[in-house]
N, C-alpha and C. Protein backbone atom coordinates (compact mmCIF):
# COMPACT_ATOMS: atom_id res chain seq x y z
N MET A 1 107.33 120.61 132.55
CA MET A 1 107.88 118.78 132.41
C MET A 1 107.22 117.32 132.87
N LEU A 2 106.57 117.93 133.98
CA LEU A 2 105.45 117.41 134.37
C LEU A 2 104.31 116.72 133.24
N ASN A 3 104.34 118.05 132.48
CA ASN A 3 103.77 117.76 131.55
C ASN A 3 103.62 116.90 130.12
N LEU A 4 104.74 117.28 129.73
CA LEU A 4 105.79 115.50 128.96
C LEU A 4 105.66 114.75 129.33
N MET A 5 106.31 114.63 131.12
CA MET A 5 106.05 113.39 131.72
C MET A 5 104.64 111.74 131.15
N LYS A 6 103.50 113.28 132.02
CA LYS A 6 102.53 112.32 131.68
C LYS A 6 101.72 111.89 130.34
N GLN A 7 102.13 113.36 129.26
CA GLN A 7 102.11 112.61 127.88
C GLN A 7 102.96 111.36 127.49
N ILE A 8 103.87 111.45 127.42
CA ILE A 8 105.41 109.98 127.42
C ILE A 8 104.54 108.39 128.30
N ARG A 9 104.02 108.70 129.46
CA ARG A 9 103.25 107.66 130.00
C ARG A 9 102.26 107.18 129.53
N LYS A 10 101.62 107.99 128.68
CA LYS A 10 100.23 107.96 127.82
C LYS A 10 100.94 107.58 126.83
N LYS A 11 101.27 107.03 126.15
CA LYS A 11 101.41 106.53 124.80
C LYS A 11 102.60 105.66 125.02
N ILE A 12 103.39 105.26 125.81
CA ILE A 12 103.86 104.18 126.60
C ILE A 12 102.72 103.53 126.55
N ASN A 13 101.45 103.79 127.42
CA ASN A 13 100.23 102.18 127.60
C ASN A 13 100.20 102.10 126.36
N GLY A 14 99.98 103.53 125.63
CA GLY A 14 98.96 103.19 124.71
C GLY A 14 100.44 101.38 123.72
N PHE A 15 101.05 101.85 123.72
CA PHE A 15 102.57 100.92 122.64
C PHE A 15 102.25 99.81 123.52
N ILE A 16 101.91 100.09 124.64
CA ILE A 16 102.23 97.78 125.14
C ILE A 16 100.62 97.47 125.05
N PHE A 17 99.34 98.54 125.52
CA PHE A 17 97.99 97.79 124.74
C PHE A 17 98.36 97.72 123.93
N HIS A 18 98.83 98.08 122.75
CA HIS A 18 98.63 97.75 121.17
C HIS A 18 99.80 96.35 121.32
N LEU A 19 101.23 96.12 121.71
CA LEU A 19 101.58 94.80 121.51
C LEU A 19 100.84 93.90 121.91
N VAL A 20 100.45 94.23 123.61
CA VAL A 20 99.77 92.71 123.64
C VAL A 20 98.28 92.19 122.87
N LEU A 21 97.30 93.44 122.34
CA LEU A 21 96.32 93.31 121.19
C LEU A 21 96.55 92.72 120.05
N SER A 22 98.14 93.16 119.63
CA SER A 22 98.41 91.78 118.47
C SER A 22 98.98 90.53 119.44
N GLY A 23 99.55 90.68 120.00
CA GLY A 23 99.97 88.78 120.39
C GLY A 23 98.76 88.72 120.61
N VAL A 24 97.41 88.84 121.27
CA VAL A 24 96.72 88.64 121.43
C VAL A 24 96.30 87.59 119.99
N ILE A 25 95.65 88.89 119.02
CA ILE A 25 95.44 88.42 117.89
C ILE A 25 96.22 87.09 117.27
N THR A 26 97.39 87.27 117.35
CA THR A 26 98.81 86.70 117.13
C THR A 26 98.44 84.87 117.23
N LEU A 27 98.22 85.35 118.76
CA LEU A 27 97.58 83.78 118.82
C LEU A 27 96.20 83.38 118.63
N LEU A 28 95.12 83.91 118.19
CA LEU A 28 93.92 83.58 117.76
C LEU A 28 94.20 82.47 116.75
N LEU A 29 95.40 83.48 115.99
CA LEU A 29 95.86 82.90 114.62
C LEU A 29 96.20 81.87 114.54
N GLY A 30 97.03 81.50 115.11
CA GLY A 30 98.25 81.20 115.13
C GLY A 30 97.60 79.90 116.25
N ILE A 31 95.90 79.63 116.74
CA ILE A 31 95.05 78.65 116.98
C ILE A 31 94.21 77.63 115.48
N MET A 32 94.09 79.26 114.54
CA MET A 32 93.25 78.59 113.95
C MET A 32 94.22 78.19 112.51
N ILE A 33 95.57 77.90 112.66
CA ILE A 33 96.49 76.97 112.05
C ILE A 33 96.51 75.60 111.85
N VAL A 34 95.71 74.76 113.09
CA VAL A 34 95.79 74.19 113.08
C VAL A 34 94.55 73.45 112.33
N TRP A 35 93.81 74.34 111.86
CA TRP A 35 92.02 73.35 111.41
C TRP A 35 92.87 72.85 109.48
N THR A 36 92.98 73.93 108.99
CA THR A 36 93.44 73.72 107.53
C THR A 36 94.22 73.95 107.04
N ASP A 37 94.94 73.83 105.25
CA ASP A 37 95.82 74.42 104.40
C ASP A 37 95.76 75.97 104.08
N PHE A 38 94.29 76.36 103.89
CA PHE A 38 94.18 77.09 103.67
C PHE A 38 94.15 78.24 104.79
N LEU A 39 94.06 77.90 105.82
CA LEU A 39 93.98 78.75 107.25
C LEU A 39 95.31 79.20 107.33
N LEU A 40 96.06 78.21 106.98
CA LEU A 40 97.49 78.00 107.65
C LEU A 40 98.23 78.98 106.62
N ARG A 41 97.63 79.75 104.89
CA ARG A 41 97.90 80.27 104.24
C ARG A 41 97.40 81.55 104.94
N LEU A 42 96.44 81.55 105.29
CA LEU A 42 95.42 82.98 105.33
C LEU A 42 96.61 83.31 106.87
N VAL A 43 97.02 82.74 107.54
CA VAL A 43 97.05 83.24 109.01
C VAL A 43 98.79 83.78 108.91
N VAL A 44 99.41 83.03 108.18
CA VAL A 44 101.03 83.39 107.52
C VAL A 44 100.94 84.39 107.23
N GLY A 45 99.87 85.24 105.70
CA GLY A 45 100.02 86.23 105.30
C GLY A 45 99.50 87.02 106.38
N LEU A 46 98.01 87.10 107.39
CA LEU A 46 98.07 87.86 108.42
C LEU A 46 98.85 88.29 108.81
N PHE A 47 99.59 86.81 109.57
CA PHE A 47 100.82 87.40 110.91
C PHE A 47 101.58 87.92 110.68
N ILE A 48 102.08 88.32 108.93
CA ILE A 48 103.40 89.02 107.93
C ILE A 48 102.64 90.72 107.95
N ILE A 49 100.91 90.78 107.65
CA ILE A 49 100.68 91.80 107.71
C ILE A 49 100.62 92.35 109.08
N VAL A 50 100.66 91.58 110.33
CA VAL A 50 100.73 91.97 112.36
C VAL A 50 101.74 92.45 112.60
N ILE A 51 103.15 91.66 111.63
CA ILE A 51 104.20 92.37 111.63
C ILE A 51 104.58 93.59 111.38
N ALA A 52 104.32 93.33 110.15
CA ALA A 52 104.53 94.79 109.28
C ALA A 52 103.50 96.03 110.09
N TYR A 53 102.75 96.34 110.49
CA TYR A 53 101.68 96.92 111.37
C TYR A 53 102.62 97.41 112.58
N SER A 54 103.14 96.06 113.14
CA SER A 54 103.79 96.65 114.22
C SER A 54 105.46 97.64 114.65
N PHE A 55 105.52 96.38 113.54
CA PHE A 55 107.23 98.03 112.68
C PHE A 55 106.30 99.51 112.71
N PHE A 56 105.42 99.57 111.25
CA PHE A 56 105.02 101.19 111.52
C PHE A 56 104.78 101.46 112.86
N TYR A 57 103.72 100.85 113.08
CA TYR A 57 102.72 101.93 114.08
C TYR A 57 104.34 102.30 115.61
N GLY A 58 105.53 101.29 116.43
CA GLY A 58 105.81 101.30 116.89
C GLY A 58 107.15 102.61 116.64
N ALA A 59 107.60 102.70 114.60
CA ALA A 59 107.94 103.71 114.27
C ALA A 59 107.28 104.89 114.11
N TYR A 60 106.64 105.65 114.68
CA TYR A 60 105.32 106.01 114.79
C TYR A 60 105.54 106.36 116.19
N LYS A 61 105.36 105.56 117.08
CA LYS A 61 105.79 106.71 118.16
C LYS A 61 106.47 106.89 118.90
N ILE A 62 107.77 106.48 118.32
CA ILE A 62 108.66 106.40 119.05
C ILE A 62 109.04 108.27 117.67
N TRP A 63 108.94 108.46 116.50
CA TRP A 63 108.35 109.71 115.88
C TRP A 63 108.42 110.78 117.06
N TRP A 64 107.21 110.22 117.47
CA TRP A 64 106.02 111.04 117.79
C TRP A 64 107.13 111.45 119.73
N LEU A 65 107.52 110.64 119.84
CA LEU A 65 108.14 110.92 121.30
C LEU A 65 109.35 112.17 121.36
N LYS A 66 110.33 111.42 120.01
CA LYS A 66 111.15 112.07 119.29
C LYS A 66 110.59 114.10 119.68
N LYS A 67 109.52 113.59 118.58
CA LYS A 67 109.01 115.62 117.94
C LYS A 67 108.87 116.21 119.92
N GLU A 68 107.96 115.34 120.61
CA GLU A 68 107.45 115.88 121.93
C GLU A 68 108.48 116.30 122.42
N VAL A 69 109.63 115.85 122.66
CA VAL A 69 110.74 116.32 123.49
C VAL A 69 111.37 117.32 122.71
N GLU A 70 112.03 117.74 121.30
CA GLU A 70 112.27 118.51 120.98
C GLU A 70 111.18 119.55 121.20
N LYS A 71 110.13 119.49 121.58
CA LYS A 71 109.05 120.84 121.30
C LYS A 71 109.35 120.86 122.79
N HIS A 72 109.62 119.98 123.58
CA HIS A 72 109.70 120.61 124.98
C HIS A 72 110.51 121.46 125.20
N PHE A 73 111.73 120.75 125.03
CA PHE A 73 112.96 121.53 125.01
C PHE A 73 113.51 122.73 124.34
N LYS A 74 112.69 122.51 123.11
CA LYS A 74 112.87 124.03 122.19
C LYS A 74 114.35 123.56 121.27
N LEU A 75 114.53 122.62 120.96
CA LEU A 75 115.52 122.13 120.39
C LEU A 75 115.68 121.98 119.05
């Protein structure tokens, strides 16, 4: 049980780090919006890609957590 909790804590910390990193990237791209119209289009496109990636990453982490819990409890 201790090993499972350790793995879950590690994955949650990785997910939190990912969200913070995505937030910083989004913030930097948001600052670049101010400069030109081309950057505005580029930033909006990249923002949509970052959101899509975050959804896929979150889905993968939840799937991994489900798999580990099932393996630990042999469900």
